[in-house]
Amino acid sequence: MLRVLIVMVLVVLAGCAPRGRLAYLAQPSPEARTIFVGSTRAPNPETGQPFGTERSFDLRLAKFDVATPPDHQSGTIDYPKDGQPADPQTQFMVSSAQIDMSQNAFRRDLRAALARQNGQAVVFVHGFNNDFSEGLYRMAQLGTDFDLPGVFVHYSWPSRAHVLGYAYDRDSALFARDGLSELLEDLQAAGARQILLIGHSLGAQLTMEVLRQEALGHDQSLLRDINGVILISPDIAVDVFLSQAQALKTLPQPFVIFTSQRDRALQLSARLSGAEDRLGDLKDFKRVARYKITIVDVGAFSVGDGHFDLAQSPALIKLLDRAGQVAKVLTGEQIGRTSLASAVILTVDNATQIVLSPLAQSGG
């Protein structure tokens, strides 16, 4: 009990830090990366922010050009914060933006971008306790650090953006299912034929709920265009995940789950939920062995609360970068041909677990 209280205090203290905000460069940057956005966040009339924390029944469409700072280092993310001046040299900033686009204009621009990327798209769904700008900048960081190919698309659901807003966020993740389905349909209508879905934390639960929803529908063409799913620190009860996977029958491939038993945020979530464990800190991967899944244990690279090691550990990013594109190499069949010399690989039935350790421990 004492450990839980300590974790809660640390989480609350972390929540006192200034939050991210949208800040614009004085001049548009030709090197900025375009991120298409679908959001079920309503505007905040008090602050004037275009995307607040309240829920919108309408899917709002936008397009942002986000510039990576010249001094950016892998595994770090710095962005403008409330009450502080922005620094374009070190912080991710917005180069230009179009907000509340019509569906026709959104699909037109998306179609042109997809044509230049051979129909490839990467969709990122943020997790618990994120405001709009933080999720947007996070996608820009992931795309930069892993050199992700394709058109970037961010789904921003209405998180309360507060460490004590967990119940609100869990309800919002359920509320936001139809919005994500609609965004994926816009992607498909615009010509996306290879969609990689990335969900973090509660965003992973939202991602799985939408996949389940699509699997139970009559038209399953969207599922055929999803050519990969990556769940990062998924905040999902293991039994709930198994029920979602059962509805899907066959999971999109590759299907990769990044886990860590050092994830303090998920440990707290498990206590609050009364569950034994969450999918993101899975202790026995045999529980999901009936499905073709690659589980990547990154606990050895734990940073901070251990809830987003994939984005926050420079050593882990370096390791995966040496192996090639993260979405293409982290499958059981391919892992033996990569440079992940520090990996311990276990296979049970259809599932593969890869336990990573720092390169220094393997002479890499």
Protein backbone atom coordinates (compact mmCIF):
# COMPACT_ATOMS: atom_id res chain seq x y z
CA MET A 1 0.00 0.00 0.00
CA LEU A 2 2.85 2.37 0.85
CA ARG A 3 4.37 1.78 -2.60
CA VAL A 4 1.07 2.68 -4.28
CA LEU A 5 0.86 5.91 -2.28
CA ILE A 6 4.41 6.83 -3.22
CA VAL A 7 3.67 6.24 -6.91
CA MET A 8 0.51 8.35 -6.66
CA VAL A 9 2.45 11.21 -5.07
CA LEU A 10 5.09 11.05 -7.80
CA VAL A 11 2.40 11.04 -10.49
CA VAL A 12 0.63 14.04 -8.96
CA LEU A 13 3.89 15.97 -8.65
CA ALA A 14 4.66 15.23 -12.30
CA GLY A 15 1.24 16.60 -13.20
CA CYS A 16 2.14 20.01 -11.73
CA ALA A 17 4.50 20.74 -14.63
CA PRO A 18 3.37 23.26 -17.28
CA ARG A 19 1.35 21.73 -20.12
CA GLY A 20 2.11 21.88 -23.81
CA ARG A 21 0.63 24.52 -26.09
CA LEU A 22 0.46 25.25 -29.78
CA ALA A 23 3.12 27.77 -30.77
CA TYR A 24 3.79 28.98 -34.30
CA LEU A 25 7.04 29.79 -36.06
CA ALA A 26 7.45 33.35 -37.24
CA GLN A 27 8.05 32.04 -40.78
CA PRO A 28 6.78 28.74 -42.28
CA SER A 29 9.46 26.06 -42.50
CA PRO A 30 9.84 24.20 -45.80
CA GLU A 31 11.21 21.21 -43.88
CA ALA A 32 8.18 20.86 -41.58
CA ARG A 33 6.32 17.53 -41.74
CA THR A 34 2.58 17.57 -42.43
CA ILE A 35 0.39 15.81 -39.89
CA PHE A 36 -3.28 15.29 -40.71
CA VAL A 37 -5.55 15.37 -37.67
CA GLY A 38 -8.93 13.99 -36.76
CA SER A 39 -10.23 14.97 -33.33
CA THR A 40 -13.27 14.59 -31.13
CA ARG A 41 -12.09 17.42 -28.88
CA ALA A 42 -14.34 20.47 -28.66
CA PRO A 43 -12.86 24.00 -28.71
CA ASN A 44 -12.10 25.63 -25.36
CA PRO A 45 -13.95 28.98 -25.34
CA GLU A 46 -12.23 30.12 -22.13
CA THR A 47 -8.67 29.78 -23.40
CA GLY A 48 -9.35 30.16 -27.10
CA GLN A 49 -7.53 26.89 -27.82
CA PRO A 50 -9.01 25.17 -30.89
CA PHE A 51 -8.91 21.72 -29.27
CA GLY A 52 -9.73 21.49 -25.58
CA THR A 53 -10.65 18.68 -23.19
CA GLU A 54 -14.43 18.55 -23.69
CA ARG A 55 -16.01 15.98 -26.00
CA SER A 56 -17.26 16.72 -29.49
CA PHE A 57 -19.78 14.44 -31.21
CA ASP A 58 -18.50 15.72 -34.56
CA LEU A 59 -15.16 14.58 -35.96
CA ARG A 60 -13.15 17.74 -36.51
CA LEU A 61 -10.54 17.68 -39.28
CA ALA A 62 -7.32 19.66 -39.48
CA LYS A 63 -3.84 19.75 -40.96
CA PHE A 64 -0.67 20.91 -39.20
CA ASP A 65 2.87 21.35 -40.46
CA VAL A 66 5.18 20.64 -37.51
CA ALA A 67 8.84 21.57 -37.55
CA THR A 68 11.45 19.43 -35.77
CA PRO A 69 13.94 21.67 -33.92
CA PRO A 70 17.51 21.76 -35.26
CA ASP A 71 18.90 20.74 -31.86
CA HIS A 72 16.57 17.73 -31.47
CA GLN A 73 18.16 14.58 -30.04
CA SER A 74 16.59 11.14 -30.32
CA GLY A 75 14.55 10.09 -27.32
CA THR A 76 13.82 13.65 -26.19
CA ILE A 77 10.84 15.85 -26.77
CA ASP A 78 10.66 19.51 -25.89
CA TYR A 79 7.72 21.65 -26.87
CA PRO A 80 6.30 25.07 -25.96
CA LYS A 81 4.62 25.14 -22.55
CA ASP A 82 2.04 27.36 -20.92
CA GLY A 83 3.52 30.50 -19.44
CA GLN A 84 6.92 30.01 -21.07
CA PRO A 85 8.44 31.50 -24.24
CA ALA A 86 8.87 29.15 -27.19
CA ASP A 87 12.32 28.32 -28.57
CA PRO A 88 12.32 27.16 -32.22
CA GLN A 89 15.92 26.00 -31.87
CA THR A 90 15.11 23.33 -29.30
CA GLN A 91 11.32 22.86 -29.37
CA PHE A 92 8.84 21.32 -31.79
CA MET A 93 6.64 24.09 -33.18
CA VAL A 94 3.84 24.54 -35.69
CA SER A 95 4.86 25.95 -39.04
CA SER A 96 1.32 26.35 -40.41
CA ALA A 97 -2.15 24.99 -39.72
CA GLN A 98 -5.61 24.57 -41.23
CA ILE A 99 -8.29 23.92 -38.61
CA ASP A 100 -11.88 22.69 -39.05
CA MET A 101 -11.41 21.71 -42.67
CA SER A 102 -14.36 20.43 -44.65
CA GLN A 103 -14.37 16.70 -45.30
CA ASN A 104 -13.95 17.32 -49.04
CA ALA A 105 -10.90 19.56 -48.53
CA PHE A 106 -9.42 17.18 -45.97
CA ARG A 107 -9.81 14.17 -48.24
CA ARG A 108 -8.47 16.09 -51.24
CA ASP A 109 -5.26 17.07 -49.45
CA LEU A 110 -4.96 13.62 -47.90
CA ARG A 111 -5.38 11.97 -51.31
CA ALA A 112 -2.57 14.08 -52.78
CA ALA A 113 -0.26 13.27 -49.85
CA LEU A 114 -1.04 9.54 -50.04
CA ALA A 115 -0.32 9.49 -53.77
CA ARG A 116 3.19 10.76 -53.02
CA GLN A 117 3.67 8.04 -50.37
CA ASN A 118 2.35 5.05 -52.35
CA GLY A 119 -0.79 4.86 -50.23
CA GLN A 120 1.11 4.42 -46.94
CA ALA A 121 -0.22 6.04 -43.77
CA VAL A 122 0.79 5.98 -40.10
CA VAL A 123 -1.98 6.69 -37.57
CA PHE A 124 -0.98 7.59 -34.02
CA VAL A 125 -3.50 7.49 -31.15
CA HIS A 126 -2.18 9.22 -28.02
CA GLY A 127 -2.63 7.97 -24.48
CA PHE A 128 -3.80 9.08 -21.04
CA ASN A 129 -3.20 12.61 -19.76
CA ASN A 130 -2.36 14.30 -23.07
CA ASP A 131 -3.54 17.67 -24.27
CA PHE A 132 -3.87 18.28 -27.99
CA SER A 133 -0.48 19.84 -28.61
CA GLU A 134 1.39 17.15 -26.67
CA GLY A 135 -0.07 14.36 -28.81
CA LEU A 136 0.65 16.30 -31.99
CA TYR A 137 4.28 16.96 -31.05
CA ARG A 138 4.72 13.35 -29.90
CA MET A 139 3.76 12.07 -33.32
CA ALA A 140 6.26 14.43 -34.91
CA GLN A 141 8.97 13.10 -32.57
CA LEU A 142 8.16 9.45 -33.29
CA GLY A 143 8.22 10.11 -37.02
CA THR A 144 11.57 11.87 -36.77
CA ASP A 145 13.30 9.43 -34.43
CA PHE A 146 12.19 6.29 -36.28
CA ASP A 147 12.13 7.84 -39.77
CA LEU A 148 8.63 6.44 -40.27
CA PRO A 149 7.49 6.30 -43.90
CA GLY A 150 4.07 7.34 -45.14
CA VAL A 151 1.55 10.09 -44.41
CA PHE A 152 1.26 11.04 -40.75
CA VAL A 153 -2.25 11.04 -39.26
CA HIS A 154 -2.97 11.83 -35.61
CA TYR A 155 -6.21 10.98 -33.83
CA SER A 156 -6.70 13.26 -30.83
CA TRP A 157 -9.41 12.09 -28.46
CA PRO A 158 -10.67 14.23 -25.56
CA SER A 159 -8.30 13.43 -22.71
CA ARG A 160 -8.76 15.60 -19.62
CA ALA A 161 -4.98 16.18 -19.69
CA HIS A 162 -4.75 15.83 -15.92
CA VAL A 163 -3.17 13.10 -13.82
CA LEU A 164 -6.34 12.88 -11.71
CA GLY A 165 -8.55 12.59 -14.80
CA TYR A 166 -8.13 8.84 -15.32
CA ALA A 167 -11.84 7.99 -15.04
CA TYR A 168 -12.73 10.78 -17.46
CA ASP A 169 -10.09 9.57 -19.91
CA ARG A 170 -11.29 5.96 -19.79
CA ASP A 171 -14.81 7.12 -20.62
CA SER A 172 -13.47 9.43 -23.33
CA ALA A 173 -11.58 6.56 -24.96
CA LEU A 174 -14.89 4.71 -25.31
CA PHE A 175 -16.68 7.87 -26.45
CA ALA A 176 -14.05 8.40 -29.17
CA ARG A 177 -14.48 5.04 -30.95
CA ASP A 178 -16.78 6.28 -33.70
CA GLY A 179 -14.53 9.25 -34.40
CA LEU A 180 -11.51 7.02 -34.99
CA SER A 181 -13.58 4.73 -37.22
CA GLU A 182 -14.70 7.74 -39.24
CA LEU A 183 -11.12 9.02 -39.58
CA LEU A 184 -9.95 5.62 -40.83
CA GLU A 185 -12.79 5.61 -43.35
CA ASP A 186 -11.65 9.05 -44.56
CA LEU A 187 -8.16 7.62 -44.95
CA GLN A 188 -9.44 4.68 -46.94
CA ALA A 189 -11.63 6.89 -49.14
CA ALA A 190 -8.59 9.09 -49.86
CA GLY A 191 -6.60 6.14 -51.13
CA ALA A 192 -4.76 4.68 -48.13
CA ARG A 193 -3.99 1.03 -48.79
CA GLN A 194 -1.32 0.40 -46.15
CA ILE A 195 -2.29 1.71 -42.71
CA LEU A 196 -0.03 1.27 -39.69
CA LEU A 197 -1.92 1.87 -36.41
CA ILE A 198 0.08 2.96 -33.35
CA GLY A 199 -1.74 3.23 -30.02
CA HIS A 200 -0.20 4.29 -26.71
CA SER A 201 -1.60 3.62 -23.22
CA LEU A 202 -5.38 4.21 -23.22
CA GLY A 203 -5.03 5.00 -26.91
CA ALA A 204 -4.14 1.34 -27.38
CA GLN A 205 -7.44 0.36 -25.76
CA LEU A 206 -9.26 2.75 -28.09
CA THR A 207 -7.39 1.27 -31.07
CA MET A 208 -8.38 -2.28 -30.14
CA GLU A 209 -12.01 -1.30 -29.55
CA VAL A 210 -12.21 0.19 -33.04
CA LEU A 211 -10.61 -2.89 -34.60
CA ARG A 212 -13.17 -5.04 -32.76
CA GLN A 213 -15.97 -2.75 -33.91
CA GLU A 214 -14.84 -3.05 -37.52
CA ALA A 215 -14.52 -6.83 -37.25
CA LEU A 216 -18.11 -7.14 -36.03
CA GLY A 217 -19.42 -4.94 -38.85
CA HIS A 218 -20.63 -6.15 -42.20
CA ASP A 219 -17.98 -4.33 -44.29
CA GLN A 220 -14.51 -5.49 -43.27
CA SER A 221 -12.61 -3.87 -46.13
CA LEU A 222 -10.95 -1.43 -43.72
CA LEU A 223 -9.31 -4.29 -41.82
CA ARG A 224 -7.75 -5.52 -45.04
CA ASP A 225 -6.00 -2.16 -45.48
CA ILE A 226 -4.47 -2.23 -41.98
CA ASN A 227 -1.05 -3.79 -42.49
CA GLY A 228 0.31 -3.43 -38.99
CA VAL A 229 -0.58 -2.59 -35.38
CA ILE A 230 1.82 -1.40 -32.69
CA LEU A 231 0.56 -1.10 -29.11
CA ILE A 232 2.90 0.80 -26.80
CA SER A 233 2.41 0.27 -23.04
CA PRO A 234 -1.22 -0.71 -23.68
CA ASP A 235 -3.48 0.10 -20.74
CA ILE A 236 -5.83 -2.83 -21.34
CA ALA A 237 -6.85 -5.62 -18.99
CA VAL A 238 -5.46 -8.85 -20.44
CA ASP A 239 -8.88 -10.53 -20.44
CA VAL A 240 -10.39 -7.55 -22.26
CA PHE A 241 -7.66 -7.75 -24.88
CA LEU A 242 -8.34 -11.47 -25.37
CA SER A 243 -12.02 -10.75 -25.96
CA GLN A 244 -11.12 -8.04 -28.48
CA ALA A 245 -8.70 -10.37 -30.28
CA GLN A 246 -11.30 -13.14 -30.33
CA ALA A 247 -13.72 -10.86 -32.17
CA LEU A 248 -11.00 -10.08 -34.73
CA LYS A 249 -10.14 -13.79 -35.14
CA THR A 250 -7.05 -12.93 -37.23
CA LEU A 251 -4.94 -10.01 -36.03
CA PRO A 252 -3.41 -7.59 -38.58
CA GLN A 253 0.24 -8.35 -39.23
CA PRO A 254 2.67 -7.47 -37.93
CA PHE A 255 1.06 -7.08 -34.51
CA VAL A 256 3.60 -5.78 -31.99
CA ILE A 257 3.14 -5.02 -28.28
CA PHE A 258 5.81 -3.10 -26.33
CA THR A 259 5.73 -4.09 -22.66
CA SER A 260 7.62 -3.39 -19.46
CA GLN A 261 7.19 -4.70 -15.93
CA ARG A 262 8.81 -1.47 -14.74
CA ASP A 263 5.89 0.61 -16.01
CA ARG A 264 4.78 2.41 -12.84
CA ALA A 265 1.81 4.05 -14.54
CA LEU A 266 0.38 0.67 -15.52
CA GLN A 267 1.06 -0.73 -12.06
CA LEU A 268 -1.05 2.07 -10.63
CA SER A 269 -3.72 1.52 -13.29
CA ALA A 270 -3.90 -2.16 -12.35
CA ARG A 271 -4.40 -1.26 -8.68
CA LEU A 272 -7.10 1.29 -9.50
CA SER A 273 -8.86 -1.17 -11.80
CA GLY A 274 -8.60 -4.11 -9.44
CA ALA A 275 -6.91 -6.13 -12.19
CA GLU A 276 -3.96 -8.46 -11.74
CA ASP A 277 -2.01 -6.87 -14.56
CA ARG A 278 -2.36 -4.85 -17.75
CA LEU A 279 -1.36 -5.94 -21.22
CA GLY A 280 1.49 -3.43 -21.17
CA ASP A 281 3.16 -5.06 -18.17
CA LEU A 282 2.24 -8.62 -19.07
CA LYS A 283 4.06 -11.04 -16.80
CA ASP A 284 3.28 -14.29 -18.65
CA PHE A 285 3.09 -13.97 -22.43
CA LYS A 286 1.69 -17.51 -22.66
CA ARG A 287 -1.69 -15.94 -21.82
CA VAL A 288 -1.82 -14.48 -25.34
CA ALA A 289 0.04 -17.29 -27.09
CA ARG A 290 -2.96 -18.38 -29.16
CA TYR A 291 -2.57 -15.26 -31.32
CA LYS A 292 0.20 -14.29 -33.72
CA ILE A 293 1.77 -11.50 -31.70
CA THR A 294 5.27 -10.19 -31.17
CA ILE A 295 5.81 -8.95 -27.61
CA VAL A 296 8.85 -6.74 -27.11
CA ASP A 297 9.93 -6.37 -23.49
CA VAL A 298 11.76 -3.05 -23.14
CA GLY A 299 11.90 -2.94 -19.33
CA ALA A 300 15.71 -2.81 -19.39
CA PHE A 301 15.43 0.63 -21.01
CA SER A 302 13.03 2.08 -18.45
CA VAL A 303 13.00 5.89 -18.35
CA GLY A 304 11.05 7.99 -15.87
CA ASP A 305 7.81 6.19 -15.01
CA GLY A 306 8.56 3.61 -17.72
CA HIS A 307 5.31 4.34 -19.57
CA PHE A 308 6.73 5.43 -22.94
CA ASP A 309 10.22 3.94 -23.16
CA LEU A 310 9.94 3.51 -26.92
CA ALA A 311 9.86 7.28 -27.36
CA GLN A 312 11.99 8.34 -24.39
CA SER A 313 15.01 6.02 -24.31
CA PRO A 314 17.81 7.12 -26.67
CA ALA A 315 19.51 3.73 -26.19
CA LEU A 316 16.39 1.84 -27.19
CA ILE A 317 15.82 4.04 -30.23
CA LYS A 318 19.44 3.51 -31.26
CA LEU A 319 19.07 -0.24 -30.88
CA LEU A 320 15.90 -0.40 -32.97
CA ASP A 321 17.30 2.02 -35.53
CA ARG A 322 20.28 -0.28 -36.07
CA ALA A 323 17.84 -3.08 -36.82
CA GLY A 324 15.91 -1.06 -39.41
CA GLN A 325 12.31 0.13 -39.55
CA VAL A 326 10.59 -0.73 -36.29
CA ALA A 327 7.34 -1.70 -37.99
CA LYS A 328 9.07 -4.09 -40.36
CA VAL A 329 11.64 -5.96 -38.31
CA LEU A 330 9.94 -6.73 -35.02
CA THR A 331 8.27 -9.95 -36.06
CA GLY A 332 9.25 -13.45 -35.09
CA GLU A 333 10.26 -14.47 -38.62
CA GLN A 334 12.44 -11.43 -39.26
CA ILE A 335 14.07 -10.90 -35.90
CA GLY A 336 16.76 -13.50 -36.51
CA ARG A 337 18.03 -11.55 -39.51
CA THR A 338 18.40 -8.24 -37.72
CA SER A 339 21.23 -6.79 -35.66
CA LEU A 340 19.36 -7.22 -32.37
CA ALA A 341 22.22 -9.22 -30.92
CA SER A 342 21.15 -8.32 -27.39
CA ALA A 343 17.71 -9.89 -27.71
CA VAL A 344 16.49 -13.02 -25.96
CA ILE A 345 13.78 -14.61 -28.10
CA LEU A 346 11.13 -16.99 -26.79
CA THR A 347 8.32 -18.56 -28.79
CA VAL A 348 5.20 -20.30 -27.46
CA ASP A 349 2.51 -21.42 -29.92
CA ASN A 350 1.86 -18.39 -32.15
CA ALA A 351 3.37 -15.70 -29.94
CA THR A 352 6.97 -14.52 -29.83
CA GLN A 353 8.50 -12.60 -26.95
CA ILE A 354 11.62 -10.53 -27.50
CA VAL A 355 13.39 -9.36 -24.36
CA LEU A 356 15.72 -6.52 -25.24
CA SER A 357 18.77 -5.45 -23.27
CA PRO A 358 21.16 -2.54 -23.86
CA LEU A 359 23.79 -3.02 -26.54
CA ALA A 360 26.54 -2.43 -24.01
CA GLN A 361 25.64 -5.67 -22.30
CA SER A 362 26.16 -7.64 -25.50
CA GLY A 363 29.21 -5.86 -26.79
CA GLY A 364 27.17 -4.02 -29.43
